[in-house]
Amino acid sequence: MENSLFSIELDVRDYECDMQGIVNNAIYQNYFEHARHEYLKSHGFDFHQITKSGVFLVIYRAEIDYCLPLKSGDKFNVTVSLATHSKTRCIFEQSIFIDNQKYTDGKFFITAINSQKRLIKLDSIGLDSLFNK
């Protein structure tokens, strides 16, 4: 796990596990989304306020690689970094770790649109300041 990445610690809760005793694959989306919102908040961007202003950050593509299963009671870290893809699109690169062992990798391709569903340049809302250069 890279020290320069944003990281948040979370816990697996019992109800997030399936019959096999491991975290259901759909729950990972929740972990990743919560970490993205906390990442934005740590940089002065409130997801709720962004949405209230008429800017919608939407996922148009998601890729998740499941390496190892999380189980009830596990404490884990979700890392987040943000990279530019174009003037209107960016990529959140995220991983889940326990200690230095990678459990899951995710890439979330995001675009910004307004209420008329037109693309918005990311620099117009200041998100370009977060891109890894």
C-alpha atoms as a PDB file:
ATOM      1  CA  MET A   1       0.000   0.000   0.000  1.00  0.00           C
ATOM      2  CA  GLU A   2       1.417   3.374  -0.994  1.00  0.00           C
ATOM      3  CA  ASN A   3       1.747   5.969   1.753  1.00  0.00           C
ATOM      4  CA  SER A   4       0.880   8.829  -0.635  1.00  0.00           C
ATOM      5  CA  LEU A   5      -2.615   7.471  -1.303  1.00  0.00           C
ATOM      6  CA  PHE A   6      -5.726   8.543   0.565  1.00  0.00           C
ATOM      7  CA  SER A   7      -6.837   5.690   2.800  1.00  0.00           C
ATOM      8  CA  ILE A   8      -9.828   5.029   5.026  1.00  0.00           C
ATOM      9  CA  GLU A   9     -10.305   2.129   7.451  1.00  0.00           C
ATOM     10  CA  LEU A  10     -13.612   0.253   7.414  1.00  0.00           C
ATOM     11  CA  ASP A  11     -15.047  -2.881   9.060  1.00  0.00           C
ATOM     12  CA  VAL A  12     -16.944  -5.775   7.516  1.00  0.00           C
ATOM     13  CA  ARG A  13     -20.349  -6.100   9.175  1.00  0.00           C
ATOM     14  CA  ASP A  14     -22.114  -9.456   9.531  1.00  0.00           C
ATOM     15  CA  TYR A  15     -25.047  -8.545   7.296  1.00  0.00           C
ATOM     16  CA  GLU A  16     -22.706  -7.785   4.380  1.00  0.00           C
ATOM     17  CA  CYS A  17     -21.752 -11.473   4.089  1.00  0.00           C
ATOM     18  CA  ASP A  18     -23.466 -14.084   1.975  1.00  0.00           C
ATOM     19  CA  MET A  19     -24.189 -17.762   2.665  1.00  0.00           C
ATOM     20  CA  GLN A  20     -20.517 -18.588   2.112  1.00  0.00           C
ATOM     21  CA  GLY A  21     -19.473 -16.303   4.984  1.00  0.00           C
ATOM     22  CA  ILE A  22     -17.710 -13.816   2.713  1.00  0.00           C
ATOM     23  CA  VAL A  23     -18.611 -10.271   1.690  1.00  0.00           C
ATOM     24  CA  ASN A  24     -21.133 -10.250  -1.139  1.00  0.00           C
ATOM     25  CA  ASN A  25     -19.549  -8.923  -4.335  1.00  0.00           C
ATOM     26  CA  ALA A  26     -22.037  -6.037  -4.621  1.00  0.00           C
ATOM     27  CA  ILE A  27     -21.038  -4.682  -1.179  1.00  0.00           C
ATOM     28  CA  TYR A  28     -17.578  -3.757  -2.475  1.00  0.00           C
ATOM     29  CA  GLN A  29     -19.242  -1.027  -4.560  1.00  0.00           C
ATOM     30  CA  ASN A  30     -20.501   0.515  -1.288  1.00  0.00           C
ATOM     31  CA  TYR A  31     -17.027   0.415   0.262  1.00  0.00           C
ATOM     32  CA  PHE A  32     -15.483   2.038  -2.800  1.00  0.00           C
ATOM     33  CA  GLU A  33     -18.200   4.707  -3.038  1.00  0.00           C
ATOM     34  CA  HIS A  34     -17.890   5.656   0.637  1.00  0.00           C
ATOM     35  CA  ALA A  35     -14.104   5.943   0.256  1.00  0.00           C
ATOM     36  CA  ARG A  36     -14.481   8.169  -2.851  1.00  0.00           C
ATOM     37  CA  HIS A  37     -16.828  10.501  -0.991  1.00  0.00           C
ATOM     38  CA  GLU A  38     -14.461  10.683   1.997  1.00  0.00           C
ATOM     39  CA  TYR A  39     -11.554  11.335  -0.374  1.00  0.00           C
ATOM     40  CA  LEU A  40     -13.444  14.237  -1.960  1.00  0.00           C
ATOM     41  CA  LYS A  41     -14.433  15.579   1.471  1.00  0.00           C
ATOM     42  CA  SER A  42     -10.795  15.454   2.643  1.00  0.00           C
ATOM     43  CA  HIS A  43      -9.962  17.759  -0.280  1.00  0.00           C
ATOM     44  CA  GLY A  44     -12.775  20.238   0.387  1.00  0.00           C
ATOM     45  CA  PHE A  45     -15.366  18.794  -2.013  1.00  0.00           C
ATOM     46  CA  ASP A  46     -18.675  17.716  -0.464  1.00  0.00           C
ATOM     47  CA  PHE A  47     -20.430  15.217  -2.745  1.00  0.00           C
ATOM     48  CA  HIS A  48     -23.860  16.242  -1.455  1.00  0.00           C
ATOM     49  CA  GLN A  49     -23.159  19.942  -2.042  1.00  0.00           C
ATOM     50  CA  ILE A  50     -21.778  19.240  -5.521  1.00  0.00           C
ATOM     51  CA  THR A  51     -25.015  17.418  -6.371  1.00  0.00           C
ATOM     52  CA  LYS A  52     -27.179  20.187  -4.859  1.00  0.00           C
ATOM     53  CA  SER A  53     -25.374  22.682  -7.109  1.00  0.00           C
ATOM     54  CA  GLY A  54     -26.630  20.819 -10.190  1.00  0.00           C
ATOM     55  CA  VAL A  55     -23.427  18.911 -10.975  1.00  0.00           C
ATOM     56  CA  PHE A  56     -23.754  15.141 -11.106  1.00  0.00           C
ATOM     57  CA  LEU A  57     -20.644  12.971 -10.873  1.00  0.00           C
ATOM     58  CA  VAL A  58     -21.707   9.701 -12.463  1.00  0.00           C
ATOM     59  CA  ILE A  59     -19.972   6.394 -13.031  1.00  0.00           C
ATOM     60  CA  TYR A  60     -20.064   5.369 -16.665  1.00  0.00           C
ATOM     61  CA  ARG A  61     -17.844   2.324 -16.239  1.00  0.00           C
ATOM     62  CA  ALA A  62     -16.689   0.218 -13.281  1.00  0.00           C
ATOM     63  CA  GLU A  63     -14.039  -2.496 -13.144  1.00  0.00           C
ATOM     64  CA  ILE A  64     -13.514  -4.602 -10.026  1.00  0.00           C
ATOM     65  CA  ASP A  65     -10.992  -7.403  -9.599  1.00  0.00           C
ATOM     66  CA  TYR A  66     -11.646  -9.601  -6.568  1.00  0.00           C
ATOM     67  CA  CYS A  67      -8.340 -11.057  -5.356  1.00  0.00           C
ATOM     68  CA  LEU A  68      -9.183 -12.373  -1.874  1.00  0.00           C
ATOM     69  CA  PRO A  69     -12.491 -12.487   0.024  1.00  0.00           C
ATOM     70  CA  LEU A  70     -13.260 -10.263   2.991  1.00  0.00           C
ATOM     71  CA  LYS A  71     -14.985 -11.940   5.952  1.00  0.00           C
ATOM     72  CA  SER A  72     -17.113 -10.779   8.861  1.00  0.00           C
ATOM     73  CA  GLY A  73     -15.111  -8.786  11.385  1.00  0.00           C
ATOM     74  CA  ASP A  74     -12.252  -7.945   9.010  1.00  0.00           C
ATOM     75  CA  LYS A  75     -10.812  -4.452   9.352  1.00  0.00           C
ATOM     76  CA  PHE A  76      -9.510  -3.183   6.028  1.00  0.00           C
ATOM     77  CA  ASN A  77      -8.271  -0.065   4.274  1.00  0.00           C
ATOM     78  CA  VAL A  78      -9.646   1.361   1.059  1.00  0.00           C
ATOM     79  CA  THR A  79      -7.172   3.495  -0.891  1.00  0.00           C
ATOM     80  CA  VAL A  80      -8.158   6.158  -3.400  1.00  0.00           C
ATOM     81  CA  SER A  81      -6.313   8.091  -6.071  1.00  0.00           C
ATOM     82  CA  LEU A  82      -7.696  10.186  -8.901  1.00  0.00           C
ATOM     83  CA  ALA A  83      -6.347  10.497 -12.428  1.00  0.00           C
ATOM     84  CA  THR A  84      -7.470  12.518 -15.420  1.00  0.00           C
ATOM     85  CA  HIS A  85      -8.900  10.739 -18.441  1.00  0.00           C
ATOM     86  CA  SER A  86     -10.042  13.749 -20.465  1.00  0.00           C
ATOM     87  CA  LYS A  87     -11.389  17.259 -19.858  1.00  0.00           C
ATOM     88  CA  THR A  88     -14.749  15.794 -18.825  1.00  0.00           C
ATOM     89  CA  ARG A  89     -13.765  12.393 -17.414  1.00  0.00           C
ATOM     90  CA  CYS A  90     -11.609  11.032 -14.632  1.00  0.00           C
ATOM     91  CA  ILE A  91     -10.715   7.688 -13.090  1.00  0.00           C
ATOM     92  CA  PHE A  92     -10.795   6.782  -9.419  1.00  0.00           C
ATOM     93  CA  GLU A  93      -8.273   4.001  -8.838  1.00  0.00           C
ATOM     94  CA  GLN A  94      -9.015   2.155  -5.624  1.00  0.00           C
ATOM     95  CA  SER A  95      -7.801  -0.889  -3.731  1.00  0.00           C
ATOM     96  CA  ILE A  96      -8.735  -2.748  -0.582  1.00  0.00           C
ATOM     97  CA  PHE A  97      -5.937  -3.969   1.691  1.00  0.00           C
ATOM     98  CA  ILE A  98      -5.520  -5.754   4.973  1.00  0.00           C
ATOM     99  CA  ASP A  99      -2.022  -4.954   6.161  1.00  0.00           C
ATOM    100  CA  ASN A 100      -0.034  -5.100   2.911  1.00  0.00           C
ATOM    101  CA  GLN A 101      -2.163  -7.823   1.311  1.00  0.00           C
ATOM    102  CA  LYS A 102      -4.352  -6.660  -1.587  1.00  0.00           C
ATOM    103  CA  TYR A 103      -7.915  -8.009  -1.495  1.00  0.00           C
ATOM    104  CA  THR A 104      -9.608  -6.030  -4.258  1.00  0.00           C
ATOM    105  CA  ASP A 105      -8.778  -3.558  -7.040  1.00  0.00           C
ATOM    106  CA  GLY A 106     -11.260  -1.176  -8.600  1.00  0.00           C
ATOM    107  CA  LYS A 107     -11.323   1.443 -11.323  1.00  0.00           C
ATOM    108  CA  PHE A 108     -14.272   3.784 -11.555  1.00  0.00           C
ATOM    109  CA  PHE A 109     -14.645   5.939 -14.645  1.00  0.00           C
ATOM    110  CA  ILE A 110     -16.490   9.157 -13.791  1.00  0.00           C
ATOM    111  CA  THR A 111     -17.941  11.983 -15.809  1.00  0.00           C
ATOM    112  CA  ALA A 112     -19.670  15.187 -14.709  1.00  0.00           C
ATOM    113  CA  ILE A 113     -22.990  16.230 -16.187  1.00  0.00           C
ATOM    114  CA  ASN A 114     -25.466  19.024 -15.509  1.00  0.00           C
ATOM    115  CA  SER A 115     -29.233  18.746 -15.039  1.00  0.00           C
ATOM    116  CA  GLN A 116     -29.682  18.843 -18.833  1.00  0.00           C
ATOM    117  CA  LYS A 117     -27.365  15.792 -19.048  1.00  0.00           C
ATOM    118  CA  ARG A 118     -24.649  17.805 -20.803  1.00  0.00           C
ATOM    119  CA  LEU A 119     -20.994  17.153 -20.039  1.00  0.00           C
ATOM    120  CA  ILE A 120     -19.208  19.558 -17.707  1.00  0.00           C
ATOM    121  CA  LYS A 121     -15.459  20.188 -17.823  1.00  0.00           C
ATOM    122  CA  LEU A 122     -13.889  18.996 -14.581  1.00  0.00           C
ATOM    123  CA  ASP A 123     -11.732  22.107 -14.274  1.00  0.00           C
ATOM    124  CA  SER A 124     -14.906  24.234 -14.120  1.00  0.00           C
ATOM    125  CA  ILE A 125     -15.776  22.611 -10.785  1.00  0.00           C
ATOM    126  CA  GLY A 126     -12.187  22.430  -9.519  1.00  0.00           C
ATOM    127  CA  LEU A 127     -11.728  18.659  -9.596  1.00  0.00           C
ATOM    128  CA  ASP A 128      -8.712  18.964 -11.876  1.00  0.00           C
ATOM    129  CA  SER A 129      -6.744  20.131  -8.825  1.00  0.00           C
ATOM    130  CA  LEU A 130      -6.942  16.571  -7.454  1.00  0.00           C
ATOM    131  CA  PHE A 131      -5.525  14.731 -10.446  1.00  0.00           C
ATOM    132  CA  ASN A 132      -2.307  12.751 -10.031  1.00  0.00           C
ATOM    133  CA  LYS A 133       0.134  14.359 -12.407  1.00  0.00           C
END
